[in-house]
Amino acid sequence: MKDWILRWYAPLFLFGFVGTAAWWVGYRHGPALWLLPLLGLAVVLSFLAERRWPYDRHFNQDHGDRARDVAHAVVNEALNLLSIASVPLLAAWMPWQYWPTHWPFALQLLLAVIGADLGVTLMHYASHRIGWLWRLHAVHHSVTRMYGFNGLMKHPLHQAVEAVGGVLPLLLLGLPHPVAAVLAFAIAIQLLLQHSNVDMRPGLMGRLVAWAPLHRFHHLRYGAAGDVNFGLFFTVWDRLLGTAFDAPGYRLGSRDLGIGTQPDYPRDYAGQLLAPFRVLPQGDVPALPAELLQARVRCG
């Protein structure tokens, strides 16, 4: 029974919650605000699953970061809500409409997910190569444990940058408000799954969708070793970029996470908001464990 749960946890969580959101907003034409309590339910179920089937029990323990992570989540989701509320204003301003509004809602949502995934992935890739973007993005990489709330832990300016890269092109095509609302909800659900501490084992589907077993390697603290698995939803972009990586037998722990060259990166919320604009001490890149080094060689 446990093996079955761990195999199907991620796909059932993603398609169950996103499917419910699409049914409510797209087919029942219900108010998008009801997606907020649905997201709250997803967070609660995620935390319960992490405690029942943890990948690493130490990741469930408060490292003095819980209040900070809640602050990140509340601020960033509030900004998302304001952004979604502004979609009708942007639509009214644009004199054109290229979005295929005649398509079934599910196909419109799939198109939005693919478009946003490509844009966010490319912006994420750039954030590891452009200095000022990395300073904003480093807030997200400062975590020393992986659990659901990590996905919502971002500097608000970097979240805005990702939104510009991933969602603004869709809005300029005329993305309708209901599709935008469910897209934002789907991204939040996917971020919960990407950073989840559930010991999920999704098999073949886990090779196609960027869930925690692959995304954990993106948070490696060993310098450029973490420049892998950038995809938000799908792994295809990493295969095209040459940044796909997996080491199935390696169990990550807190020792592997964080920013190796900045072990004293600020841990409080205010400090993390200010960190991109300060000169922080830099150390040497930690040595990559031999097992991961061998896996990198195998992946090319």
C-alpha atoms as a PDB file:
ATOM      1  CA  MET A   1       0.000   0.000   0.000  1.00  0.00           C
ATOM      2  CA  LYS A   2       2.790   2.425   0.906  1.00  0.00           C
ATOM      3  CA  ASP A   3       4.572   1.802  -2.416  1.00  0.00           C
ATOM      4  CA  TRP A   4       1.332   2.522  -4.281  1.00  0.00           C
ATOM      5  CA  ILE A   5       0.801   5.777  -2.369  1.00  0.00           C
ATOM      6  CA  LEU A   6       4.362   6.991  -2.969  1.00  0.00           C
ATOM      7  CA  ARG A   7       4.109   6.139  -6.673  1.00  0.00           C
ATOM      8  CA  TRP A   8       0.811   7.957  -7.229  1.00  0.00           C
ATOM      9  CA  TYR A   9       1.089  10.744  -4.664  1.00  0.00           C
ATOM     10  CA  ALA A  10       2.482  13.442  -7.001  1.00  0.00           C
ATOM     11  CA  PRO A  11       0.247  12.818 -10.059  1.00  0.00           C
ATOM     12  CA  LEU A  12      -2.907  12.488  -7.946  1.00  0.00           C
ATOM     13  CA  PHE A  13      -2.022  15.619  -5.959  1.00  0.00           C
ATOM     14  CA  LEU A  14      -1.310  17.686  -9.077  1.00  0.00           C
ATOM     15  CA  PHE A  15      -4.146  16.513 -11.292  1.00  0.00           C
ATOM     16  CA  GLY A  16      -6.613  16.258  -8.409  1.00  0.00           C
ATOM     17  CA  PHE A  17      -6.180  19.823  -7.191  1.00  0.00           C
ATOM     18  CA  VAL A  18      -5.639  21.455 -10.594  1.00  0.00           C
ATOM     19  CA  GLY A  19      -8.501  19.455 -12.077  1.00  0.00           C
ATOM     20  CA  THR A  20     -10.793  20.622  -9.275  1.00  0.00           C
ATOM     21  CA  ALA A  21      -9.719  24.235  -9.831  1.00  0.00           C
ATOM     22  CA  ALA A  22     -10.296  23.971 -13.591  1.00  0.00           C
ATOM     23  CA  TRP A  23     -13.723  22.394 -13.068  1.00  0.00           C
ATOM     24  CA  TRP A  24     -14.777  25.097 -10.582  1.00  0.00           C
ATOM     25  CA  VAL A  25     -13.497  28.157 -12.449  1.00  0.00           C
ATOM     26  CA  GLY A  26     -13.573  26.986 -16.055  1.00  0.00           C
ATOM     27  CA  TYR A  27     -16.731  24.891 -16.206  1.00  0.00           C
ATOM     28  CA  ARG A  28     -18.839  25.930 -13.224  1.00  0.00           C
ATOM     29  CA  HIS A  29     -17.749  29.588 -13.621  1.00  0.00           C
ATOM     30  CA  GLY A  30     -17.264  29.832  -9.876  1.00  0.00           C
ATOM     31  CA  PRO A  31     -15.402  32.749  -8.239  1.00  0.00           C
ATOM     32  CA  ALA A  32     -11.618  32.386  -8.501  1.00  0.00           C
ATOM     33  CA  LEU A  33     -11.262  33.536  -4.886  1.00  0.00           C
ATOM     34  CA  TRP A  34     -12.400  30.069  -3.804  1.00  0.00           C
ATOM     35  CA  LEU A  35      -9.051  28.812  -5.078  1.00  0.00           C
ATOM     36  CA  LEU A  36      -7.417  30.346  -1.984  1.00  0.00           C
ATOM     37  CA  PRO A  37      -9.038  27.935   0.518  1.00  0.00           C
ATOM     38  CA  LEU A  38      -8.396  25.121  -1.970  1.00  0.00           C
ATOM     39  CA  LEU A  39      -4.709  26.053  -1.946  1.00  0.00           C
ATOM     40  CA  GLY A  40      -4.829  26.135   1.851  1.00  0.00           C
ATOM     41  CA  LEU A  41      -6.208  22.592   1.826  1.00  0.00           C
ATOM     42  CA  ALA A  42      -3.384  21.528  -0.514  1.00  0.00           C
ATOM     43  CA  VAL A  43      -0.785  22.994   1.868  1.00  0.00           C
ATOM     44  CA  VAL A  44      -2.312  21.165   4.849  1.00  0.00           C
ATOM     45  CA  LEU A  45      -2.432  17.838   2.990  1.00  0.00           C
ATOM     46  CA  SER A  46       1.144  18.386   1.815  1.00  0.00           C
ATOM     47  CA  PHE A  47       2.353  18.916   5.385  1.00  0.00           C
ATOM     48  CA  LEU A  48       0.447  15.840   6.630  1.00  0.00           C
ATOM     49  CA  ALA A  49       1.923  13.685   3.855  1.00  0.00           C
ATOM     50  CA  GLU A  50       5.423  14.968   4.619  1.00  0.00           C
ATOM     51  CA  ARG A  51       5.040  13.799   8.198  1.00  0.00           C
ATOM     52  CA  ARG A  52       3.549  10.455   7.263  1.00  0.00           C
ATOM     53  CA  TRP A  53       5.966   9.535   4.429  1.00  0.00           C
ATOM     54  CA  PRO A  54       9.039  11.812   4.771  1.00  0.00           C
ATOM     55  CA  TYR A  55      12.007  11.742   2.436  1.00  0.00           C
ATOM     56  CA  ASP A  56      14.134  13.034   5.325  1.00  0.00           C
ATOM     57  CA  ARG A  57      12.642  13.329   8.822  1.00  0.00           C
ATOM     58  CA  HIS A  58      15.051  16.167   9.655  1.00  0.00           C
ATOM     59  CA  PHE A  59      13.471  18.288   6.900  1.00  0.00           C
ATOM     60  CA  ASN A  60      10.231  18.295   8.911  1.00  0.00           C
ATOM     61  CA  GLN A  61      11.919  19.931  11.883  1.00  0.00           C
ATOM     62  CA  ASP A  62      11.802  23.691  12.317  1.00  0.00           C
ATOM     63  CA  HIS A  63      15.282  25.112  11.607  1.00  0.00           C
ATOM     64  CA  GLY A  64      14.254  28.510  12.885  1.00  0.00           C
ATOM     65  CA  ASP A  65      12.874  29.215   9.413  1.00  0.00           C
ATOM     66  CA  ARG A  66       9.162  28.454   9.713  1.00  0.00           C
ATOM     67  CA  ALA A  67       7.956  31.993  10.497  1.00  0.00           C
ATOM     68  CA  ARG A  68      10.194  33.376   7.755  1.00  0.00           C
ATOM     69  CA  ASP A  69       8.862  30.901   5.201  1.00  0.00           C
ATOM     70  CA  VAL A  70       5.272  31.727   6.163  1.00  0.00           C
ATOM     71  CA  ALA A  71       6.066  35.425   5.638  1.00  0.00           C
ATOM     72  CA  HIS A  72       7.492  34.691   2.184  1.00  0.00           C
ATOM     73  CA  ALA A  73       4.440  32.622   1.267  1.00  0.00           C
ATOM     74  CA  VAL A  74       1.875  35.162   2.488  1.00  0.00           C
ATOM     75  CA  VAL A  75       3.574  38.127   0.789  1.00  0.00           C
ATOM     76  CA  ASN A  76       4.200  36.335  -2.493  1.00  0.00           C
ATOM     77  CA  GLU A  77       0.732  34.808  -2.747  1.00  0.00           C
ATOM     78  CA  ALA A  78      -0.812  38.216  -1.933  1.00  0.00           C
ATOM     79  CA  LEU A  79       1.194  39.690  -4.803  1.00  0.00           C
ATOM     80  CA  ASN A  80      -0.015  36.849  -7.037  1.00  0.00           C
ATOM     81  CA  LEU A  81      -3.593  37.673  -6.062  1.00  0.00           C
ATOM     82  CA  LEU A  82      -3.107  41.331  -6.967  1.00  0.00           C
ATOM     83  CA  SER A  83      -1.554  40.322 -10.287  1.00  0.00           C
ATOM     84  CA  ILE A  84      -4.491  38.066 -11.154  1.00  0.00           C
ATOM     85  CA  ALA A  85      -6.938  40.810 -10.212  1.00  0.00           C
ATOM     86  CA  SER A  86      -5.215  43.140 -12.691  1.00  0.00           C
ATOM     87  CA  VAL A  87      -5.662  40.754 -15.657  1.00  0.00           C
ATOM     88  CA  PRO A  88      -9.075  42.183 -16.701  1.00  0.00           C
ATOM     89  CA  LEU A  89      -7.599  45.705 -16.635  1.00  0.00           C
ATOM     90  CA  LEU A  90      -4.786  44.627 -18.952  1.00  0.00           C
ATOM     91  CA  ALA A  91      -7.252  42.828 -21.226  1.00  0.00           C
ATOM     92  CA  ALA A  92      -9.410  45.959 -21.484  1.00  0.00           C
ATOM     93  CA  TRP A  93      -6.342  48.012 -22.422  1.00  0.00           C
ATOM     94  CA  MET A  94      -5.241  45.735 -25.273  1.00  0.00           C
ATOM     95  CA  PRO A  95      -6.963  46.278 -28.643  1.00  0.00           C
ATOM     96  CA  TRP A  96      -6.222  42.728 -29.845  1.00  0.00           C
ATOM     97  CA  GLN A  97      -7.144  39.191 -28.857  1.00  0.00           C
ATOM     98  CA  TYR A  98      -4.980  36.322 -30.103  1.00  0.00           C
ATOM     99  CA  TRP A  99      -5.761  33.847 -27.341  1.00  0.00           C
ATOM    100  CA  PRO A 100      -7.837  30.838 -28.547  1.00  0.00           C
ATOM    101  CA  THR A 101     -10.849  31.561 -26.328  1.00  0.00           C
ATOM    102  CA  HIS A 102     -12.973  29.185 -28.441  1.00  0.00           C
ATOM    103  CA  TRP A 103     -10.924  26.199 -27.257  1.00  0.00           C
ATOM    104  CA  PRO A 104     -12.187  24.045 -24.378  1.00  0.00           C
ATOM    105  CA  PHE A 105     -11.002  25.413 -21.029  1.00  0.00           C
ATOM    106  CA  ALA A 106      -8.767  22.394 -20.374  1.00  0.00           C
ATOM    107  CA  LEU A 107      -6.859  22.947 -23.631  1.00  0.00           C
ATOM    108  CA  GLN A 108      -6.495  26.660 -22.892  1.00  0.00           C
ATOM    109  CA  LEU A 109      -5.074  25.788 -19.486  1.00  0.00           C
ATOM    110  CA  LEU A 110      -2.651  23.261 -20.993  1.00  0.00           C
ATOM    111  CA  LEU A 111      -1.453  25.878 -23.498  1.00  0.00           C
ATOM    112  CA  ALA A 112      -0.977  28.387 -20.670  1.00  0.00           C
ATOM    113  CA  VAL A 113       0.967  25.858 -18.577  1.00  0.00           C
ATOM    114  CA  ILE A 114       3.301  25.008 -21.478  1.00  0.00           C
ATOM    115  CA  GLY A 115       3.880  28.671 -22.335  1.00  0.00           C
ATOM    116  CA  ALA A 116       4.460  29.714 -18.731  1.00  0.00           C
ATOM    117  CA  ASP A 117       6.693  26.704 -18.133  1.00  0.00           C
ATOM    118  CA  LEU A 118       8.959  27.641 -21.035  1.00  0.00           C
ATOM    119  CA  GLY A 119       9.164  31.299 -20.015  1.00  0.00           C
ATOM    120  CA  VAL A 120       9.756  30.638 -16.307  1.00  0.00           C
ATOM    121  CA  THR A 121      12.331  27.930 -17.075  1.00  0.00           C
ATOM    122  CA  LEU A 122      14.333  30.257 -19.333  1.00  0.00           C
ATOM    123  CA  MET A 123      14.149  33.047 -16.747  1.00  0.00           C
ATOM    124  CA  HIS A 124      15.234  30.558 -14.081  1.00  0.00           C
ATOM    125  CA  TYR A 125      18.148  29.487 -16.277  1.00  0.00           C
ATOM    126  CA  ALA A 126      19.154  33.124 -16.765  1.00  0.00           C
ATOM    127  CA  SER A 127      18.950  33.694 -13.006  1.00  0.00           C
ATOM    128  CA  HIS A 128      21.889  31.326 -12.526  1.00  0.00           C
ATOM    129  CA  ARG A 129      24.008  33.145 -15.095  1.00  0.00           C
ATOM    130  CA  ILE A 130      23.292  36.868 -14.704  1.00  0.00           C
ATOM    131  CA  GLY A 131      24.704  38.436 -11.558  1.00  0.00           C
ATOM    132  CA  TRP A 132      21.869  40.718 -10.477  1.00  0.00           C
ATOM    133  CA  LEU A 133      19.265  38.044 -11.182  1.00  0.00           C
ATOM    134  CA  TRP A 134      21.237  35.515  -9.131  1.00  0.00           C
ATOM    135  CA  ARG A 135      21.390  37.901  -6.174  1.00  0.00           C
ATOM    136  CA  LEU A 136      17.583  38.010  -6.178  1.00  0.00           C
ATOM    137  CA  HIS A 137      17.246  34.283  -6.814  1.00  0.00           C
ATOM    138  CA  ALA A 138      19.787  33.356  -4.108  1.00  0.00           C
ATOM    139  CA  VAL A 139      17.103  33.906  -1.466  1.00  0.00           C
ATOM    140  CA  HIS A 140      15.360  30.786  -2.755  1.00  0.00           C
ATOM    141  CA  HIS A 141      18.597  28.785  -2.722  1.00  0.00           C
ATOM    142  CA  SER A 142      19.494  29.642   0.851  1.00  0.00           C
ATOM    143  CA  VAL A 143      17.236  26.891   2.249  1.00  0.00           C
ATOM    144  CA  THR A 144      18.850  24.074   4.220  1.00  0.00           C
ATOM    145  CA  ARG A 145      15.865  21.734   4.186  1.00  0.00           C
ATOM    146  CA  MET A 146      13.395  20.779   1.467  1.00  0.00           C
ATOM    147  CA  TYR A 147       9.692  20.898   2.252  1.00  0.00           C
ATOM    148  CA  GLY A 148       6.588  22.189   0.517  1.00  0.00           C
ATOM    149  CA  PHE A 149       6.785  25.820   1.603  1.00  0.00           C
ATOM    150  CA  ASN A 150      10.240  26.215   0.017  1.00  0.00           C
ATOM    151  CA  GLY A 151       8.568  26.625  -3.345  1.00  0.00           C
ATOM    152  CA  LEU A 152       6.853  29.815  -2.194  1.00  0.00           C
ATOM    153  CA  MET A 153      10.036  31.180  -0.620  1.00  0.00           C
ATOM    154  CA  LYS A 154      11.237  33.767  -3.141  1.00  0.00           C
ATOM    155  CA  HIS A 155      12.337  37.350  -3.132  1.00  0.00           C
ATOM    156  CA  PRO A 156       9.265  39.282  -4.338  1.00  0.00           C
ATOM    157  CA  LEU A 157      11.351  41.057  -6.985  1.00  0.00           C
ATOM    158  CA  HIS A 158      12.509  37.730  -8.385  1.00  0.00           C
ATOM    159  CA  GLN A 159       8.947  36.472  -8.406  1.00  0.00           C
ATOM    160  CA  ALA A 160       8.055  39.562 -10.460  1.00  0.00           C
ATOM    161  CA  VAL A 161      10.928  38.818 -12.867  1.00  0.00           C
ATOM    162  CA  GLU A 162       9.704  35.243 -13.328  1.00  0.00           C
ATOM    163  CA  ALA A 163       6.169  36.498 -13.907  1.00  0.00           C
ATOM    164  CA  VAL A 164       7.384  38.863 -16.605  1.00  0.00           C
ATOM    165  CA  GLY A 165       9.231  36.056 -18.363  1.00  0.00           C
ATOM    166  CA  GLY A 166       6.586  33.387 -17.935  1.00  0.00           C
ATOM    167  CA  VAL A 167       3.177  35.016 -17.813  1.00  0.00           C
ATOM    168  CA  LEU A 168       3.407  38.473 -19.406  1.00  0.00           C
ATOM    169  CA  PRO A 169       3.752  37.044 -22.950  1.00  0.00           C
ATOM    170  CA  LEU A 170       0.555  35.045 -22.354  1.00  0.00           C
ATOM    171  CA  LEU A 171      -1.240  38.124 -21.050  1.00  0.00           C
ATOM    172  CA  LEU A 172      -0.197  40.082 -24.133  1.00  0.00           C
ATOM    173  CA  LEU A 173      -1.806  37.349 -26.233  1.00  0.00           C
ATOM    174  CA  GLY A 174      -5.044  37.935 -24.336  1.00  0.00           C
ATOM    175  CA  LEU A 175      -4.929  35.233 -21.636  1.00  0.00           C
ATOM    176  CA  PRO A 176      -8.413  35.308 -20.045  1.00  0.00           C
ATOM    177  CA  HIS A 177      -8.791  35.979 -16.332  1.00  0.00           C
ATOM    178  CA  PRO A 178     -10.212  32.505 -15.454  1.00  0.00           C
ATOM    179  CA  VAL A 179      -7.315  30.737 -17.202  1.00  0.00           C
ATOM    180  CA  ALA A 180      -4.792  33.054 -15.510  1.00  0.00           C
ATOM    181  CA  ALA A 181      -6.295  32.282 -12.094  1.00  0.00           C
ATOM    182  CA  VAL A 182      -6.105  28.504 -12.549  1.00  0.00           C
ATOM    183  CA  LEU A 183      -2.615  28.814 -14.038  1.00  0.00           C
ATOM    184  CA  ALA A 184      -1.401  30.662 -10.923  1.00  0.00           C
ATOM    185  CA  PHE A 185      -3.040  27.972  -8.779  1.00  0.00           C
ATOM    186  CA  ALA A 186      -1.398  25.198 -10.824  1.00  0.00           C
ATOM    187  CA  ILE A 187       2.020  26.827 -10.403  1.00  0.00           C
ATOM    188  CA  ALA A 188       1.543  27.002  -6.625  1.00  0.00           C
ATOM    189  CA  ILE A 189       0.565  23.311  -6.500  1.00  0.00           C
ATOM    190  CA  GLN A 190       3.544  22.339  -8.645  1.00  0.00           C
ATOM    191  CA  LEU A 191       5.915  24.329  -6.404  1.00  0.00           C
ATOM    192  CA  LEU A 192       4.578  22.405  -3.394  1.00  0.00           C
ATOM    193  CA  LEU A 193       5.373  19.150  -5.180  1.00  0.00           C
ATOM    194  CA  GLN A 194       8.789  20.279  -6.446  1.00  0.00           C
ATOM    195  CA  HIS A 195      10.012  21.048  -2.956  1.00  0.00           C
ATOM    196  CA  SER A 196       8.024  18.411  -1.081  1.00  0.00           C
ATOM    197  CA  ASN A 197       9.582  16.292   1.655  1.00  0.00           C
ATOM    198  CA  VAL A 198       7.352  13.358   0.690  1.00  0.00           C
ATOM    199  CA  ASP A 199       9.419  10.337  -0.366  1.00  0.00           C
ATOM    200  CA  MET A 200       7.549  10.201  -3.670  1.00  0.00           C
ATOM    201  CA  ARG A 201       8.546   7.624  -6.288  1.00  0.00           C
ATOM    202  CA  PRO A 202       6.604   8.596  -9.414  1.00  0.00           C
ATOM    203  CA  GLY A 203       8.410   6.260 -11.813  1.00  0.00           C
ATOM    204  CA  LEU A 204       8.171   7.061 -15.521  1.00  0.00           C
ATOM    205  CA  MET A 205       5.984  10.123 -14.970  1.00  0.00           C
ATOM    206  CA  GLY A 206       8.700  11.478 -12.700  1.00  0.00           C
ATOM    207  CA  ARG A 207      11.010  11.486 -15.720  1.00  0.00           C
ATOM    208  CA  LEU A 208       8.580  13.761 -17.572  1.00  0.00           C
ATOM    209  CA  VAL A 209       7.363  16.093 -14.810  1.00  0.00           C
ATOM    210  CA  ALA A 210       9.767  18.105 -12.641  1.00  0.00           C
ATOM    211  CA  TRP A 211       8.842  16.901  -9.166  1.00  0.00           C
ATOM    212  CA  ALA A 212      10.926  16.720  -5.986  1.00  0.00           C
ATOM    213  CA  PRO A 213      13.092  13.659  -6.812  1.00  0.00           C
ATOM    214  CA  LEU A 214      14.706  15.649  -9.636  1.00  0.00           C
ATOM    215  CA  HIS A 215      14.343  19.188  -8.321  1.00  0.00           C
ATOM    216  CA  ARG A 216      16.203  18.449  -5.085  1.00  0.00           C
ATOM    217  CA  PHE A 217      19.424  18.290  -7.118  1.00  0.00           C
ATOM    218  CA  HIS A 218      18.824  21.869  -8.248  1.00  0.00           C
ATOM    219  CA  HIS A 219      19.396  22.948  -4.631  1.00  0.00           C
ATOM    220  CA  LEU A 220      22.846  21.392  -4.288  1.00  0.00           C
ATOM    221  CA  ARG A 221      25.260  23.732  -2.512  1.00  0.00           C
ATOM    222  CA  TYR A 222      28.310  22.663  -4.522  1.00  0.00           C
ATOM    223  CA  GLY A 223      28.619  25.631  -6.888  1.00  0.00           C
ATOM    224  CA  ALA A 224      27.657  24.905 -10.494  1.00  0.00           C
ATOM    225  CA  ALA A 225      26.542  21.376  -9.542  1.00  0.00           C
ATOM    226  CA  GLY A 226      23.145  22.914  -8.775  1.00  0.00           C
ATOM    227  CA  ASP A 227      22.806  24.440 -12.254  1.00  0.00           C
ATOM    228  CA  VAL A 228      20.550  21.563 -13.282  1.00  0.00           C
ATOM    229  CA  ASN A 229      16.845  20.702 -13.507  1.00  0.00           C
ATOM    230  CA  PHE A 230      15.537  24.240 -14.054  1.00  0.00           C
ATOM    231  CA  GLY A 231      12.107  23.185 -15.356  1.00  0.00           C
ATOM    232  CA  LEU A 232       8.981  24.296 -13.529  1.00  0.00           C
ATOM    233  CA  PHE A 233       6.536  21.696 -14.862  1.00  0.00           C
ATOM    234  CA  PHE A 234       8.269  19.587 -17.498  1.00  0.00           C
ATOM    235  CA  THR A 235      11.742  18.084 -17.873  1.00  0.00           C
ATOM    236  CA  VAL A 236      11.853  18.480 -21.668  1.00  0.00           C
ATOM    237  CA  TRP A 237      13.364  21.974 -21.436  1.00  0.00           C
ATOM    238  CA  ASP A 238      16.289  20.691 -19.365  1.00  0.00           C
ATOM    239  CA  ARG A 239      16.907  17.949 -21.884  1.00  0.00           C
ATOM    240  CA  LEU A 240      17.036  20.556 -24.639  1.00  0.00           C
ATOM    241  CA  LEU A 241      19.252  22.865 -22.554  1.00  0.00           C
ATOM    242  CA  GLY A 242      21.562  20.004 -21.580  1.00  0.00           C
ATOM    243  CA  THR A 243      20.891  20.618 -17.875  1.00  0.00           C
ATOM    244  CA  ALA A 244      18.973  17.441 -16.996  1.00  0.00           C
ATOM    245  CA  PHE A 245      20.507  15.514 -14.089  1.00  0.00           C
ATOM    246  CA  ASP A 246      19.605  12.595 -11.873  1.00  0.00           C
ATOM    247  CA  ALA A 247      21.430  10.454  -9.333  1.00  0.00           C
ATOM    248  CA  PRO A 248      18.684   8.040  -8.206  1.00  0.00           C
ATOM    249  CA  GLY A 249      20.753   6.307  -5.512  1.00  0.00           C
ATOM    250  CA  TYR A 250      21.880   9.499  -3.760  1.00  0.00           C
ATOM    251  CA  ARG A 251      19.954  10.655  -0.674  1.00  0.00           C
ATOM    252  CA  LEU A 252      20.290  14.393  -0.159  1.00  0.00           C
ATOM    253  CA  GLY A 253      20.457  15.840   3.334  1.00  0.00           C
ATOM    254  CA  SER A 254      20.846  19.272   4.896  1.00  0.00           C
ATOM    255  CA  ARG A 255      24.602  18.939   4.362  1.00  0.00           C
ATOM    256  CA  ASP A 256      23.968  19.162   0.592  1.00  0.00           C
ATOM    257  CA  LEU A 257      21.659  22.198   0.591  1.00  0.00           C
ATOM    258  CA  GLY A 258      22.109  25.943   0.683  1.00  0.00           C
ATOM    259  CA  ILE A 259      24.637  28.293  -0.930  1.00  0.00           C
ATOM    260  CA  GLY A 260      28.032  26.706  -0.425  1.00  0.00           C
ATOM    261  CA  THR A 261      29.992  29.913  -0.936  1.00  0.00           C
ATOM    262  CA  GLN A 262      27.742  31.834   1.484  1.00  0.00           C
ATOM    263  CA  PRO A 263      27.095  29.586   4.496  1.00  0.00           C
ATOM    264  CA  ASP A 264      26.162  32.639   6.588  1.00  0.00           C
ATOM    265  CA  TYR A 265      23.501  33.894   4.161  1.00  0.00           C
ATOM    266  CA  PRO A 266      20.815  35.851   6.100  1.00  0.00           C
ATOM    267  CA  ARG A 267      18.095  33.599   7.493  1.00  0.00           C
ATOM    268  CA  ASP A 268      15.519  36.150   8.655  1.00  0.00           C
ATOM    269  CA  TYR A 269      12.858  37.604   6.362  1.00  0.00           C
ATOM    270  CA  ALA A 270      14.019  41.231   6.472  1.00  0.00           C
ATOM    271  CA  GLY A 271      17.637  40.164   6.004  1.00  0.00           C
ATOM    272  CA  GLN A 272      16.711  38.163   2.923  1.00  0.00           C
ATOM    273  CA  LEU A 273      14.815  41.068   1.400  1.00  0.00           C
ATOM    274  CA  LEU A 274      17.928  43.233   1.793  1.00  0.00           C
ATOM    275  CA  ALA A 275      20.535  40.579   0.912  1.00  0.00           C
ATOM    276  CA  PRO A 276      20.532  41.176  -2.877  1.00  0.00           C
ATOM    277  CA  PHE A 277      21.514  44.799  -2.287  1.00  0.00           C
ATOM    278  CA  ARG A 278      24.355  44.088   0.150  1.00  0.00           C
ATOM    279  CA  VAL A 279      27.908  42.821  -0.321  1.00  0.00           C
ATOM    280  CA  LEU A 280      27.990  39.455   1.462  1.00  0.00           C
ATOM    281  CA  PRO A 281      31.101  37.465   2.434  1.00  0.00           C
ATOM    282  CA  GLN A 282      32.147  34.861  -0.126  1.00  0.00           C
ATOM    283  CA  GLY A 283      33.892  31.572   0.616  1.00  0.00           C
ATOM    284  CA  ASP A 284      35.249  28.700  -1.442  1.00  0.00           C
ATOM    285  CA  VAL A 285      33.007  26.288  -3.322  1.00  0.00           C
ATOM    286  CA  PRO A 286      32.620  23.082  -1.246  1.00  0.00           C
ATOM    287  CA  ALA A 287      33.925  19.874  -2.780  1.00  0.00           C
ATOM    288  CA  LEU A 288      31.360  17.765  -4.573  1.00  0.00           C
ATOM    289  CA  PRO A 289      30.818  14.323  -2.948  1.00  0.00           C
ATOM    290  CA  ALA A 290      32.376  11.509  -4.979  1.00  0.00           C
ATOM    291  CA  GLU A 291      29.040   9.801  -5.635  1.00  0.00           C
ATOM    292  CA  LEU A 292      27.569  12.965  -7.145  1.00  0.00           C
ATOM    293  CA  LEU A 293      30.738  13.565  -9.145  1.00  0.00           C
ATOM    294  CA  GLN A 294      30.417  10.113 -10.685  1.00  0.00           C
ATOM    295  CA  ALA A 295      26.748  10.748 -11.467  1.00  0.00           C
ATOM    296  CA  ARG A 296      27.650  14.022 -13.215  1.00  0.00           C
ATOM    297  CA  VAL A 297      30.177  12.184 -15.354  1.00  0.00           C
ATOM    298  CA  ARG A 298      27.557   9.589 -16.311  1.00  0.00           C
ATOM    299  CA  CYS A 299      25.065  12.343 -17.240  1.00  0.00           C
ATOM    300  CA  GLY A 300      27.701  13.978 -19.442  1.00  0.00           C
END
